[in-house]
Amino acid sequence: MTETAATDQNMAVPRKRRVPTAAQALCRRIRNRENMRRRRQDPAFRAFEKRRRNWKDYGPERDRLIEGATGARAAEKKSRPRCSICRKRDAVEVITRLRPCAEVRGGYVQMRIAYCGFC
């Protein structure tokens, strides 16, 4: 492989962002909506979505479902905490994030979520 000097032909040119017109945006929305309707009607995609939803670990909501009448968690149902952002990897730490809240004076509330360290 030989090296070549950078010339005007092979230098990186900054790309300009295309701004769609209103008609193009409408066509795109219609196309996306029709595509999603076709996918939702597809039995294979529906089965995939059902498996994906059943696989998800919902964190605190799931723990509330596990609690019995006594209010204690079932010991056999405990699972490792998953990342609250990607829900794919095991969490290695807990981080704080800001969540918008209308009831608080500042407009935001701190919430703690599990984090894998990669997201």
PDB file of N, CA and C in Angstrom:
ATOM      1  N   MET A   1       0.847  -1.174   0.000  1.00  0.00           N
ATOM      2  CA  MET A   1       0.000   0.000   0.000  1.00  0.00           C
ATOM      3  C   MET A   1       0.893   1.237   0.000  1.00  0.00           C
ATOM      4  N   THR A   2       0.617   2.136  -0.883  1.00  0.00           N
ATOM      5  CA  THR A   2       1.431   3.341  -0.977  1.00  0.00           C
ATOM      6  C   THR A   2       0.689   4.508  -0.371  1.00  0.00           C
ATOM      7  N   GLU A   3       1.460   5.398   0.189  1.00  0.00           N
ATOM      8  CA  GLU A   3       0.862   6.577   0.785  1.00  0.00           C
ATOM      9  C   GLU A   3       0.744   7.667  -0.272  1.00  0.00           C
ATOM     10  N   THR A   4      -0.314   8.423  -0.178  1.00  0.00           N
ATOM     11  CA  THR A   4      -0.499   9.537  -1.098  1.00  0.00           C
ATOM     12  C   THR A   4      -0.689  10.805  -0.302  1.00  0.00           C
ATOM     13  N   ALA A   5      -0.281  11.887  -0.876  1.00  0.00           N
ATOM     14  CA  ALA A   5      -0.441  13.178  -0.205  1.00  0.00           C
ATOM     15  C   ALA A   5      -1.902  13.610  -0.269  1.00  0.00           C
ATOM     16  N   ALA A   6      -2.313  14.346   0.745  1.00  0.00           N
ATOM     17  CA  ALA A   6      -3.686  14.842   0.780  1.00  0.00           C
ATOM     18  C   ALA A   6      -3.839  15.949  -0.249  1.00  0.00           C
ATOM     19  N   THR A   7      -4.782  15.775  -1.110  1.00  0.00           N
ATOM     20  CA  THR A   7      -5.064  16.791  -2.115  1.00  0.00           C
ATOM     21  C   THR A   7      -6.493  17.264  -1.940  1.00  0.00           C
ATOM     22  N   ASP A   8      -6.903  18.163  -2.741  1.00  0.00           N
ATOM     23  CA  ASP A   8      -8.262  18.675  -2.662  1.00  0.00           C
ATOM     24  C   ASP A   8      -9.292  17.584  -2.938  1.00  0.00           C
ATOM     25  N   GLN A   9      -8.921  16.582  -3.719  1.00  0.00           N
ATOM     26  CA  GLN A   9      -9.874  15.539  -4.084  1.00  0.00           C
ATOM     27  C   GLN A   9     -10.169  14.581  -2.943  1.00  0.00           C
ATOM     28  N   ASN A  10      -9.167  14.232  -2.139  1.00  0.00           N
ATOM     29  CA  ASN A  10      -9.422  13.238  -1.095  1.00  0.00           C
ATOM     30  C   ASN A  10      -9.416  13.823   0.318  1.00  0.00           C
ATOM     31  N   MET A  11      -9.470  15.120   0.457  1.00  0.00           N
ATOM     32  CA  MET A  11      -9.560  15.732   1.788  1.00  0.00           C
ATOM     33  C   MET A  11     -11.001  15.639   2.285  1.00  0.00           C
ATOM     34  N   ALA A  12     -11.144  15.527   3.586  1.00  0.00           N
ATOM     35  CA  ALA A  12     -12.477  15.433   4.167  1.00  0.00           C
ATOM     36  C   ALA A  12     -13.209  16.760   4.006  1.00  0.00           C
ATOM     37  N   VAL A  13     -14.426  16.670   3.543  1.00  0.00           N
ATOM     38  CA  VAL A  13     -15.256  17.853   3.357  1.00  0.00           C
ATOM     39  C   VAL A  13     -16.348  17.811   4.410  1.00  0.00           C
ATOM     40  N   PRO A  14     -16.539  18.891   5.151  1.00  0.00           N
ATOM     41  CA  PRO A  14     -17.605  18.868   6.157  1.00  0.00           C
ATOM     42  C   PRO A  14     -18.959  18.686   5.479  1.00  0.00           C
ATOM     43  N   ARG A  15     -19.753  17.789   6.042  1.00  0.00           N
ATOM     44  CA  ARG A  15     -21.059  17.515   5.469  1.00  0.00           C
ATOM     45  C   ARG A  15     -22.077  18.522   5.973  1.00  0.00           C
ATOM     46  N   LYS A  16     -22.981  18.878   5.102  1.00  0.00           N
ATOM     47  CA  LYS A  16     -24.049  19.788   5.486  1.00  0.00           C
ATOM     48  C   LYS A  16     -25.276  18.974   5.845  1.00  0.00           C
ATOM     49  N   ARG A  17     -25.991  19.433   6.823  1.00  0.00           N
ATOM     50  CA  ARG A  17     -27.198  18.737   7.245  1.00  0.00           C
ATOM     51  C   ARG A  17     -28.336  19.069   6.303  1.00  0.00           C
ATOM     52  N   ARG A  18     -28.987  18.012   5.830  1.00  0.00           N
ATOM     53  CA  ARG A  18     -30.126  18.228   4.951  1.00  0.00           C
ATOM     54  C   ARG A  18     -31.349  18.553   5.793  1.00  0.00           C
ATOM     55  N   VAL A  19     -32.046  19.579   5.421  1.00  0.00           N
ATOM     56  CA  VAL A  19     -33.269  19.958   6.115  1.00  0.00           C
ATOM     57  C   VAL A  19     -34.432  19.558   5.214  1.00  0.00           C
ATOM     58  N   PRO A  20     -35.241  18.584   5.652  1.00  0.00           N
ATOM     59  CA  PRO A  20     -36.345  18.155   4.794  1.00  0.00           C
ATOM     60  C   PRO A  20     -37.448  19.206   4.737  1.00  0.00           C
ATOM     61  N   THR A  21     -38.119  19.230   3.607  1.00  0.00           N
ATOM     62  CA  THR A  21     -39.254  20.131   3.471  1.00  0.00           C
ATOM     63  C   THR A  21     -40.437  19.544   4.230  1.00  0.00           C
ATOM     64  N   ALA A  22     -41.485  20.325   4.350  1.00  0.00           N
ATOM     65  CA  ALA A  22     -42.676  19.853   5.059  1.00  0.00           C
ATOM     66  C   ALA A  22     -43.279  18.646   4.345  1.00  0.00           C
ATOM     67  N   ALA A  23     -43.282  18.677   3.015  1.00  0.00           N
ATOM     68  CA  ALA A  23     -43.847  17.557   2.251  1.00  0.00           C
ATOM     69  C   ALA A  23     -43.011  16.290   2.449  1.00  0.00           C
ATOM     70  N   GLN A  24     -41.677  16.430   2.472  1.00  0.00           N
ATOM     71  CA  GLN A  24     -40.813  15.271   2.688  1.00  0.00           C
ATOM     72  C   GLN A  24     -41.002  14.702   4.092  1.00  0.00           C
ATOM     73  N   ALA A  25     -41.143  15.570   5.068  1.00  0.00           N
ATOM     74  CA  ALA A  25     -41.348  15.117   6.443  1.00  0.00           C
ATOM     75  C   ALA A  25     -42.673  14.373   6.571  1.00  0.00           C
ATOM     76  N   LEU A  26     -43.706  14.876   5.910  1.00  0.00           N
ATOM     77  CA  LEU A  26     -45.013  14.213   5.945  1.00  0.00           C
ATOM     78  C   LEU A  26     -44.939  12.839   5.286  1.00  0.00           C
ATOM     79  N   CYS A  27     -44.270  12.756   4.136  1.00  0.00           N
ATOM     80  CA  CYS A  27     -44.115  11.460   3.453  1.00  0.00           C
ATOM     81  C   CYS A  27     -43.355  10.480   4.333  1.00  0.00           C
ATOM     82  N   ARG A  28     -42.333  10.968   5.013  1.00  0.00           N
ATOM     83  CA  ARG A  28     -41.546  10.095   5.882  1.00  0.00           C
ATOM     84  C   ARG A  28     -42.375   9.588   7.056  1.00  0.00           C
ATOM     85  N   ARG A  29     -43.160  10.470   7.667  1.00  0.00           N
ATOM     86  CA  ARG A  29     -44.017  10.047   8.778  1.00  0.00           C
ATOM     87  C   ARG A  29     -45.025   9.003   8.332  1.00  0.00           C
ATOM     88  N   ILE A  30     -45.631   9.223   7.155  1.00  0.00           N
ATOM     89  CA  ILE A  30     -46.619   8.266   6.634  1.00  0.00           C
ATOM     90  C   ILE A  30     -45.950   6.930   6.351  1.00  0.00           C
ATOM     91  N   ARG A  31     -44.769   6.967   5.727  1.00  0.00           N
ATOM     92  CA  ARG A  31     -44.040   5.736   5.416  1.00  0.00           C
ATOM     93  C   ARG A  31     -43.661   4.987   6.696  1.00  0.00           C
ATOM     94  N   ASN A  32     -43.188   5.710   7.710  1.00  0.00           N
ATOM     95  CA  ASN A  32     -42.824   5.069   8.983  1.00  0.00           C
ATOM     96  C   ASN A  32     -44.038   4.464   9.678  1.00  0.00           C
ATOM     97  N   ARG A  33     -45.156   5.183   9.648  1.00  0.00           N
ATOM     98  CA  ARG A  33     -46.375   4.680  10.279  1.00  0.00           C
ATOM     99  C   ARG A  33     -46.861   3.398   9.593  1.00  0.00           C
ATOM    100  N   GLU A  34     -46.861   3.392   8.263  1.00  0.00           N
ATOM    101  CA  GLU A  34     -47.297   2.206   7.523  1.00  0.00           C
ATOM    102  C   GLU A  34     -46.349   1.034   7.759  1.00  0.00           C
ATOM    103  N   ASN A  35     -45.055   1.320   7.807  1.00  0.00           N
ATOM    104  CA  ASN A  35     -44.085   0.259   8.066  1.00  0.00           C
ATOM    105  C   ASN A  35     -44.307  -0.343   9.455  1.00  0.00           C
ATOM    106  N   MET A  36     -44.561   0.488  10.445  1.00  0.00           N
ATOM    107  CA  MET A  36     -44.779  -0.020  11.801  1.00  0.00           C
ATOM    108  C   MET A  36     -46.069  -0.824  11.873  1.00  0.00           C
ATOM    109  N   ARG A  37     -47.106  -0.408  11.152  1.00  0.00           N
ATOM    110  CA  ARG A  37     -48.351  -1.185  11.130  1.00  0.00           C
ATOM    111  C   ARG A  37     -48.113  -2.570  10.531  1.00  0.00           C
ATOM    112  N   ARG A  38     -47.316  -2.631   9.448  1.00  0.00           N
ATOM    113  CA  ARG A  38     -47.011  -3.926   8.837  1.00  0.00           C
ATOM    114  C   ARG A  38     -46.207  -4.795   9.805  1.00  0.00           C
ATOM    115  N   ARG A  39     -45.254  -4.198  10.496  1.00  0.00           N
ATOM    116  CA  ARG A  39     -44.439  -4.983  11.432  1.00  0.00           C
ATOM    117  C   ARG A  39     -45.268  -5.498  12.594  1.00  0.00           C
ATOM    118  N   ARG A  40     -46.187  -4.686  13.102  1.00  0.00           N
ATOM    119  CA  ARG A  40     -47.014  -5.130  14.231  1.00  0.00           C
ATOM    120  C   ARG A  40     -47.958  -6.249  13.837  1.00  0.00           C
ATOM    121  N   GLN A  41     -48.333  -6.313  12.577  1.00  0.00           N
ATOM    122  CA  GLN A  41     -49.211  -7.387  12.113  1.00  0.00           C
ATOM    123  C   GLN A  41     -48.446  -8.681  11.846  1.00  0.00           C
ATOM    124  N   ASP A  42     -47.134  -8.610  11.705  1.00  0.00           N
ATOM    125  CA  ASP A  42     -46.317  -9.777  11.406  1.00  0.00           C
ATOM    126  C   ASP A  42     -46.225 -10.677  12.639  1.00  0.00           C
ATOM    127  N   PRO A  43     -46.658 -11.955  12.544  1.00  0.00           N
ATOM    128  CA  PRO A  43     -46.631 -12.843  13.719  1.00  0.00           C
ATOM    129  C   PRO A  43     -45.217 -13.071  14.262  1.00  0.00           C
ATOM    130  N   ALA A  44     -44.217 -13.119  13.385  1.00  0.00           N
ATOM    131  CA  ALA A  44     -42.844 -13.333  13.859  1.00  0.00           C
ATOM    132  C   ALA A  44     -42.368 -12.143  14.687  1.00  0.00           C
ATOM    133  N   PHE A  45     -42.678 -10.939  14.239  1.00  0.00           N
ATOM    134  CA  PHE A  45     -42.274  -9.749  14.989  1.00  0.00           C
ATOM    135  C   PHE A  45     -43.026  -9.663  16.314  1.00  0.00           C
ATOM    136  N   ARG A  46     -44.293 -10.029  16.311  1.00  0.00           N
ATOM    137  CA  ARG A  46     -45.067 -10.013  17.560  1.00  0.00           C
ATOM    138  C   ARG A  46     -44.489 -10.993  18.569  1.00  0.00           C
ATOM    139  N   ALA A  47     -44.084 -12.181  18.096  1.00  0.00           N
ATOM    140  CA  ALA A  47     -43.473 -13.161  18.995  1.00  0.00           C
ATOM    141  C   ALA A  47     -42.146 -12.636  19.537  1.00  0.00           C
ATOM    142  N   PHE A  48     -41.365 -11.980  18.671  1.00  0.00           N
ATOM    143  CA  PHE A  48     -40.101 -11.396  19.106  1.00  0.00           C
ATOM    144  C   PHE A  48     -40.337 -10.330  20.174  1.00  0.00           C
ATOM    145  N   GLU A  49     -41.301  -9.444  19.945  1.00  0.00           N
ATOM    146  CA  GLU A  49     -41.600  -8.386  20.923  1.00  0.00           C
ATOM    147  C   GLU A  49     -42.073  -8.970  22.247  1.00  0.00           C
ATOM    148  N   LYS A  50     -42.875 -10.014  22.183  1.00  0.00           N
ATOM    149  CA  LYS A  50     -43.365 -10.635  23.412  1.00  0.00           C
ATOM    150  C   LYS A  50     -42.213 -11.235  24.210  1.00  0.00           C
ATOM    151  N   ARG A  51     -41.287 -11.929  23.504  1.00  0.00           N
ATOM    152  CA  ARG A  51     -40.106 -12.484  24.199  1.00  0.00           C
ATOM    153  C   ARG A  51     -39.261 -11.374  24.789  1.00  0.00           C
ATOM    154  N   ARG A  52     -39.081 -10.285  24.045  1.00  0.00           N
ATOM    155  CA  ARG A  52     -38.259  -9.177  24.530  1.00  0.00           C
ATOM    156  C   ARG A  52     -38.874  -8.537  25.767  1.00  0.00           C
ATOM    157  N   ARG A  53     -40.175  -8.351  25.777  1.00  0.00           N
ATOM    158  CA  ARG A  53     -40.832  -7.733  26.935  1.00  0.00           C
ATOM    159  C   ARG A  53     -40.797  -8.642  28.155  1.00  0.00           C
ATOM    160  N   ASN A  54     -40.935  -9.947  27.944  1.00  0.00           N
ATOM    161  CA  ASN A  54     -40.879 -10.876  29.066  1.00  0.00           C
ATOM    162  C   ASN A  54     -39.475 -10.977  29.630  1.00  0.00           C
ATOM    163  N   TRP A  55     -38.459 -10.757  28.789  1.00  0.00           N
ATOM    164  CA  TRP A  55     -37.080 -10.875  29.224  1.00  0.00           C
ATOM    165  C   TRP A  55     -36.649  -9.702  30.073  1.00  0.00           C
ATOM    166  N   LYS A  56     -37.219  -8.536  29.826  1.00  0.00           N
ATOM    167  CA  LYS A  56     -36.759  -7.320  30.507  1.00  0.00           C
ATOM    168  C   LYS A  56     -36.865  -7.450  32.018  1.00  0.00           C
ATOM    169  N   ASP A  57     -35.895  -6.862  32.678  1.00  0.00           N
ATOM    170  CA  ASP A  57     -35.897  -6.804  34.134  1.00  0.00           C
ATOM    171  C   ASP A  57     -36.346  -5.396  34.509  1.00  0.00           C
ATOM    172  N   TYR A  58     -37.483  -5.275  35.130  1.00  0.00           N
ATOM    173  CA  TYR A  58     -38.055  -3.956  35.370  1.00  0.00           C
ATOM    174  C   TYR A  58     -37.610  -3.323  36.681  1.00  0.00           C
ATOM    175  N   GLY A  59     -36.645  -3.901  37.361  1.00  0.00           N
ATOM    176  CA  GLY A  59     -36.079  -3.278  38.552  1.00  0.00           C
ATOM    177  C   GLY A  59     -37.058  -3.186  39.694  1.00  0.00           C
ATOM    178  N   PRO A  60     -37.262  -1.986  40.268  1.00  0.00           N
ATOM    179  CA  PRO A  60     -38.139  -1.836  41.439  1.00  0.00           C
ATOM    180  C   PRO A  60     -39.569  -2.293  41.172  1.00  0.00           C
ATOM    181  N   GLU A  61     -40.082  -2.064  39.944  1.00  0.00           N
ATOM    182  CA  GLU A  61     -41.447  -2.495  39.651  1.00  0.00           C
ATOM    183  C   GLU A  61     -41.553  -4.020  39.741  1.00  0.00           C
ATOM    184  N   ARG A  62     -40.524  -4.705  39.230  1.00  0.00           N
ATOM    185  CA  ARG A  62     -40.512  -6.165  39.275  1.00  0.00           C
ATOM    186  C   ARG A  62     -40.432  -6.643  40.725  1.00  0.00           C
ATOM    187  N   ASP A  63     -39.635  -5.963  41.542  1.00  0.00           N
ATOM    188  CA  ASP A  63     -39.523  -6.347  42.949  1.00  0.00           C
ATOM    189  C   ASP A  63     -40.854  -6.194  43.671  1.00  0.00           C
ATOM    190  N   ARG A  64     -41.618  -5.159  43.322  1.00  0.00           N
ATOM    191  CA  ARG A  64     -42.930  -4.979  43.951  1.00  0.00           C
ATOM    192  C   ARG A  64     -43.866  -6.111  43.578  1.00  0.00           C
ATOM    193  N   LEU A  65     -43.738  -6.625  42.341  1.00  0.00           N
ATOM    194  CA  LEU A  65     -44.577  -7.737  41.928  1.00  0.00           C
ATOM    195  C   LEU A  65     -44.206  -9.017  42.659  1.00  0.00           C
ATOM    196  N   ILE A  66     -42.943  -9.147  43.024  1.00  0.00           N
ATOM    197  CA  ILE A  66     -42.477 -10.350  43.704  1.00  0.00           C
ATOM    198  C   ILE A  66     -42.936 -10.375  45.156  1.00  0.00           C
ATOM    199  N   GLU A  67     -43.105  -9.213  45.767  1.00  0.00           N
ATOM    200  CA  GLU A  67     -43.482  -9.145  47.172  1.00  0.00           C
ATOM    201  C   GLU A  67     -44.831  -9.830  47.388  1.00  0.00           C
ATOM    202  N   GLY A  68     -44.895 -10.600  48.424  1.00  0.00           N
ATOM    203  CA  GLY A  68     -46.133 -11.292  48.746  1.00  0.00           C
ATOM    204  C   GLY A  68     -47.004 -10.463  49.674  1.00  0.00           C
ATOM    205  N   ALA A  69     -47.948 -11.110  50.325  1.00  0.00           N
ATOM    206  CA  ALA A  69     -48.839 -10.420  51.250  1.00  0.00           C
ATOM    207  C   ALA A  69     -48.091  -9.908  52.474  1.00  0.00           C
ATOM    208  N   THR A  70     -46.964 -10.560  52.799  1.00  0.00           N
ATOM    209  CA  THR A  70     -46.199 -10.146  53.975  1.00  0.00           C
ATOM    210  C   THR A  70     -45.365  -8.902  53.697  1.00  0.00           C
ATOM    211  N   GLY A  71     -45.120  -8.579  52.439  1.00  0.00           N
ATOM    212  CA  GLY A  71     -44.318  -7.420  52.102  1.00  0.00           C
ATOM    213  C   GLY A  71     -42.852  -7.738  51.960  1.00  0.00           C
ATOM    214  N   ALA A  72     -42.454  -8.989  52.214  1.00  0.00           N
ATOM    215  CA  ALA A  72     -41.052  -9.382  52.083  1.00  0.00           C
ATOM    216  C   ALA A  72     -40.816  -9.985  50.699  1.00  0.00           C
ATOM    217  N   ARG A  73     -39.645  -9.727  50.174  1.00  0.00           N
ATOM    218  CA  ARG A  73     -39.310 -10.287  48.869  1.00  0.00           C
ATOM    219  C   ARG A  73     -39.124 -11.793  48.973  1.00  0.00           C
ATOM    220  N   ALA A  74     -39.488 -12.473  47.928  1.00  0.00           N
ATOM    221  CA  ALA A  74     -39.269 -13.914  47.881  1.00  0.00           C
ATOM    222  C   ALA A  74     -37.785 -14.171  47.628  1.00  0.00           C
ATOM    223  N   ALA A  75     -37.163 -15.044  48.441  1.00  0.00           N
ATOM    224  CA  ALA A  75     -35.725 -15.279  48.351  1.00  0.00           C
ATOM    225  C   ALA A  75     -35.341 -15.947  47.035  1.00  0.00           C
ATOM    226  N   GLU A  76     -36.181 -16.841  46.513  1.00  0.00           N
ATOM    227  CA  GLU A  76     -35.822 -17.554  45.292  1.00  0.00           C
ATOM    228  C   GLU A  76     -35.990 -16.697  44.045  1.00  0.00           C
ATOM    229  N   LYS A  77     -36.642 -15.569  44.116  1.00  0.00           N
ATOM    230  CA  LYS A  77     -36.903 -14.741  42.949  1.00  0.00           C
ATOM    231  C   LYS A  77     -35.897 -13.610  42.774  1.00  0.00           C
ATOM    232  N   LYS A  78     -34.904 -13.486  43.652  1.00  0.00           N
ATOM    233  CA  LYS A  78     -33.947 -12.399  43.540  1.00  0.00           C
ATOM    234  C   LYS A  78     -33.109 -12.564  42.280  1.00  0.00           C
ATOM    235  N   SER A  79     -32.818 -11.458  41.637  1.00  0.00           N
ATOM    236  CA  SER A  79     -31.981 -11.501  40.446  1.00  0.00           C
ATOM    237  C   SER A  79     -30.922 -10.416  40.559  1.00  0.00           C
ATOM    238  N   ARG A  80     -29.905 -10.534  39.727  1.00  0.00           N
ATOM    239  CA  ARG A  80     -28.853  -9.516  39.734  1.00  0.00           C
ATOM    240  C   ARG A  80     -29.409  -8.239  39.139  1.00  0.00           C
ATOM    241  N   PRO A  81     -29.039  -7.092  39.694  1.00  0.00           N
ATOM    242  CA  PRO A  81     -29.540  -5.836  39.129  1.00  0.00           C
ATOM    243  C   PRO A  81     -28.970  -5.595  37.736  1.00  0.00           C
ATOM    244  N   ARG A  82     -29.798  -5.113  36.851  1.00  0.00           N
ATOM    245  CA  ARG A  82     -29.388  -4.811  35.479  1.00  0.00           C
ATOM    246  C   ARG A  82     -29.257  -3.301  35.319  1.00  0.00           C
ATOM    247  N   CYS A  83     -28.538  -2.895  34.290  1.00  0.00           N
ATOM    248  CA  CYS A  83     -28.385  -1.478  33.972  1.00  0.00           C
ATOM    249  C   CYS A  83     -29.763  -0.910  33.623  1.00  0.00           C
ATOM    250  N   SER A  84     -30.114   0.218  34.203  1.00  0.00           N
ATOM    251  CA  SER A  84     -31.422   0.821  33.946  1.00  0.00           C
ATOM    252  C   SER A  84     -31.476   1.547  32.617  1.00  0.00           C
ATOM    253  N   ILE A  85     -30.340   1.745  31.954  1.00  0.00           N
ATOM    254  CA  ILE A  85     -30.320   2.454  30.677  1.00  0.00           C
ATOM    255  C   ILE A  85     -30.432   1.467  29.526  1.00  0.00           C
ATOM    256  N   CYS A  86     -29.529   0.491  29.468  1.00  0.00           N
ATOM    257  CA  CYS A  86     -29.537  -0.455  28.346  1.00  0.00           C
ATOM    258  C   CYS A  86     -30.288  -1.741  28.679  1.00  0.00           C
ATOM    259  N   ARG A  87     -30.419  -2.093  29.937  1.00  0.00           N
ATOM    260  CA  ARG A  87     -31.083  -3.313  30.402  1.00  0.00           C
ATOM    261  C   ARG A  87     -30.473  -4.581  29.821  1.00  0.00           C
ATOM    262  N   LYS A  88     -29.193  -4.534  29.451  1.00  0.00           N
ATOM    263  CA  LYS A  88     -28.526  -5.706  28.879  1.00  0.00           C
ATOM    264  C   LYS A  88     -27.441  -6.243  29.791  1.00  0.00           C
ATOM    265  N   ARG A  89     -26.652  -5.361  30.410  1.00  0.00           N
ATOM    266  CA  ARG A  89     -25.519  -5.786  31.222  1.00  0.00           C
ATOM    267  C   ARG A  89     -25.838  -5.651  32.710  1.00  0.00           C
ATOM    268  N   ASP A  90     -25.067  -6.377  33.510  1.00  0.00           N
ATOM    269  CA  ASP A  90     -25.227  -6.272  34.958  1.00  0.00           C
ATOM    270  C   ASP A  90     -24.753  -4.911  35.439  1.00  0.00           C
ATOM    271  N   ALA A  91     -25.427  -4.368  36.426  1.00  0.00           N
ATOM    272  CA  ALA A  91     -25.061  -3.061  36.975  1.00  0.00           C
ATOM    273  C   ALA A  91     -23.836  -3.203  37.865  1.00  0.00           C
ATOM    274  N   VAL A  92     -22.943  -2.238  37.785  1.00  0.00           N
ATOM    275  CA  VAL A  92     -21.754  -2.249  38.629  1.00  0.00           C
ATOM    276  C   VAL A  92     -21.753  -1.095  39.628  1.00  0.00           C
ATOM    277  N   GLU A  93     -22.613  -0.111  39.409  1.00  0.00           N
ATOM    278  CA  GLU A  93     -22.685   1.011  40.338  1.00  0.00           C
ATOM    279  C   GLU A  93     -24.066   1.660  40.247  1.00  0.00           C
ATOM    280  N   VAL A  94     -24.334   2.529  41.196  1.00  0.00           N
ATOM    281  CA  VAL A  94     -25.586   3.290  41.211  1.00  0.00           C
ATOM    282  C   VAL A  94     -25.228   4.749  41.004  1.00  0.00           C
ATOM    283  N   ILE A  95     -25.867   5.380  40.023  1.00  0.00           N
ATOM    284  CA  ILE A  95     -25.594   6.788  39.731  1.00  0.00           C
ATOM    285  C   ILE A  95     -26.861   7.593  39.971  1.00  0.00           C
ATOM    286  N   THR A  96     -26.703   8.898  40.116  1.00  0.00           N
ATOM    287  CA  THR A  96     -27.858   9.768  40.291  1.00  0.00           C
ATOM    288  C   THR A  96     -28.111  10.513  38.989  1.00  0.00           C
ATOM    289  N   ARG A  97     -29.374  10.637  38.636  1.00  0.00           N
ATOM    290  CA  ARG A  97     -29.791  11.350  37.439  1.00  0.00           C
ATOM    291  C   ARG A  97     -30.877  12.339  37.836  1.00  0.00           C
ATOM    292  N   LEU A  98     -31.057  13.365  37.032  1.00  0.00           N
ATOM    293  CA  LEU A  98     -32.117  14.332  37.285  1.00  0.00           C
ATOM    294  C   LEU A  98     -33.342  13.971  36.457  1.00  0.00           C
ATOM    295  N   ARG A  99     -34.506  14.007  37.114  1.00  0.00           N
ATOM    296  CA  ARG A  99     -35.771  13.708  36.458  1.00  0.00           C
ATOM    297  C   ARG A  99     -36.656  14.939  36.580  1.00  0.00           C
ATOM    298  N   PRO A 100     -37.302  15.384  35.499  1.00  0.00           N
ATOM    299  CA  PRO A 100     -38.198  16.538  35.595  1.00  0.00           C
ATOM    300  C   PRO A 100     -39.378  16.236  36.521  1.00  0.00           C
ATOM    301  N   CYS A 101     -39.737  17.206  37.319  1.00  0.00           N
ATOM    302  CA  CYS A 101     -40.848  17.030  38.249  1.00  0.00           C
ATOM    303  C   CYS A 101     -41.551  18.374  38.412  1.00  0.00           C
ATOM    304  N   ALA A 102     -42.860  18.385  38.204  1.00  0.00           N
ATOM    305  CA  ALA A 102     -43.628  19.625  38.277  1.00  0.00           C
ATOM    306  C   ALA A 102     -43.898  20.051  39.718  1.00  0.00           C
ATOM    307  N   GLU A 103     -43.883  19.114  40.665  1.00  0.00           N
ATOM    308  CA  GLU A 103     -44.238  19.433  42.052  1.00  0.00           C
ATOM    309  C   GLU A 103     -43.113  20.099  42.825  1.00  0.00           C
ATOM    310  N   VAL A 104     -41.881  19.988  42.340  1.00  0.00           N
ATOM    311  CA  VAL A 104     -40.727  20.517  43.066  1.00  0.00           C
ATOM    312  C   VAL A 104     -40.411  21.920  42.582  1.00  0.00           C
ATOM    313  N   ARG A 105     -39.915  22.738  43.486  1.00  0.00           N
ATOM    314  CA  ARG A 105     -39.636  24.138  43.163  1.00  0.00           C
ATOM    315  C   ARG A 105     -38.592  24.291  42.066  1.00  0.00           C
ATOM    316  N   GLY A 106     -37.529  23.513  42.104  1.00  0.00           N
ATOM    317  CA  GLY A 106     -36.469  23.612  41.106  1.00  0.00           C
ATOM    318  C   GLY A 106     -36.830  22.998  39.764  1.00  0.00           C
ATOM    319  N   GLY A 107     -37.845  22.141  39.732  1.00  0.00           N
ATOM    320  CA  GLY A 107     -38.268  21.514  38.491  1.00  0.00           C
ATOM    321  C   GLY A 107     -37.645  20.153  38.235  1.00  0.00           C
ATOM    322  N   TYR A 108     -36.652  19.748  39.054  1.00  0.00           N
ATOM    323  CA  TYR A 108     -35.994  18.463  38.866  1.00  0.00           C
ATOM    324  C   TYR A 108     -35.834  17.743  40.198  1.00  0.00           C
ATOM    325  N   VAL A 109     -35.836  16.420  40.139  1.00  0.00           N
ATOM    326  CA  VAL A 109     -35.638  15.581  41.315  1.00  0.00           C
ATOM    327  C   VAL A 109     -34.512  14.612  41.006  1.00  0.00           C
ATOM    328  N   GLN A 110     -33.648  14.354  41.999  1.00  0.00           N
ATOM    329  CA  GLN A 110     -32.594  13.358  41.804  1.00  0.00           C
ATOM    330  C   GLN A 110     -33.173  11.974  41.964  1.00  0.00           C
ATOM    331  N   MET A 111     -32.784  11.080  41.068  1.00  0.00           N
ATOM    332  CA  MET A 111     -33.185   9.687  41.200  1.00  0.00           C
ATOM    333  C   MET A 111     -31.944   8.812  41.051  1.00  0.00           C
ATOM    334  N   ARG A 112     -31.927   7.692  41.744  1.00  0.00           N
ATOM    335  CA  ARG A 112     -30.788   6.782  41.686  1.00  0.00           C
ATOM    336  C   ARG A 112     -31.141   5.628  40.774  1.00  0.00           C
ATOM    337  N   ILE A 113     -30.224   5.330  39.828  1.00  0.00           N
ATOM    338  CA  ILE A 113     -30.461   4.215  38.907  1.00  0.00           C
ATOM    339  C   ILE A 113     -29.217   3.346  38.838  1.00  0.00           C
ATOM    340  N   ALA A 114     -29.433   2.072  38.502  1.00  0.00           N
ATOM    341  CA  ALA A 114     -28.331   1.135  38.319  1.00  0.00           C
ATOM    342  C   ALA A 114     -27.654   1.438  36.991  1.00  0.00           C
ATOM    343  N   TYR A 115     -26.328   1.292  36.961  1.00  0.00           N
ATOM    344  CA  TYR A 115     -25.563   1.657  35.770  1.00  0.00           C
ATOM    345  C   TYR A 115     -24.471   0.622  35.525  1.00  0.00           C
ATOM    346  N   CYS A 116     -24.284   0.243  34.258  1.00  0.00           N
ATOM    347  CA  CYS A 116     -23.302  -0.793  33.910  1.00  0.00           C
ATOM    348  C   CYS A 116     -21.899  -0.245  33.701  1.00  0.00           C
ATOM    349  N   GLY A 117     -21.767   1.050  33.439  1.00  0.00           N
ATOM    350  CA  GLY A 117     -20.466   1.652  33.210  1.00  0.00           C
ATOM    351  C   GLY A 117     -20.111   1.815  31.745  1.00  0.00           C
ATOM    352  N   PHE A 118     -20.935   1.315  30.837  1.00  0.00           N
ATOM    353  CA  PHE A 118     -20.657   1.411  29.405  1.00  0.00           C
ATOM    354  C   PHE A 118     -21.607   2.353  28.665  1.00  0.00           C
ATOM    355  N   CYS A 119     -22.786   2.523  29.130  1.00  0.00           N
ATOM    356  CA  CYS A 119     -23.794   3.329  28.417  1.00  0.00           C
ATOM    357  C   CYS A 119     -23.473   4.810  28.438  1.00  0.00           C
TER     358      CYS A 119
END
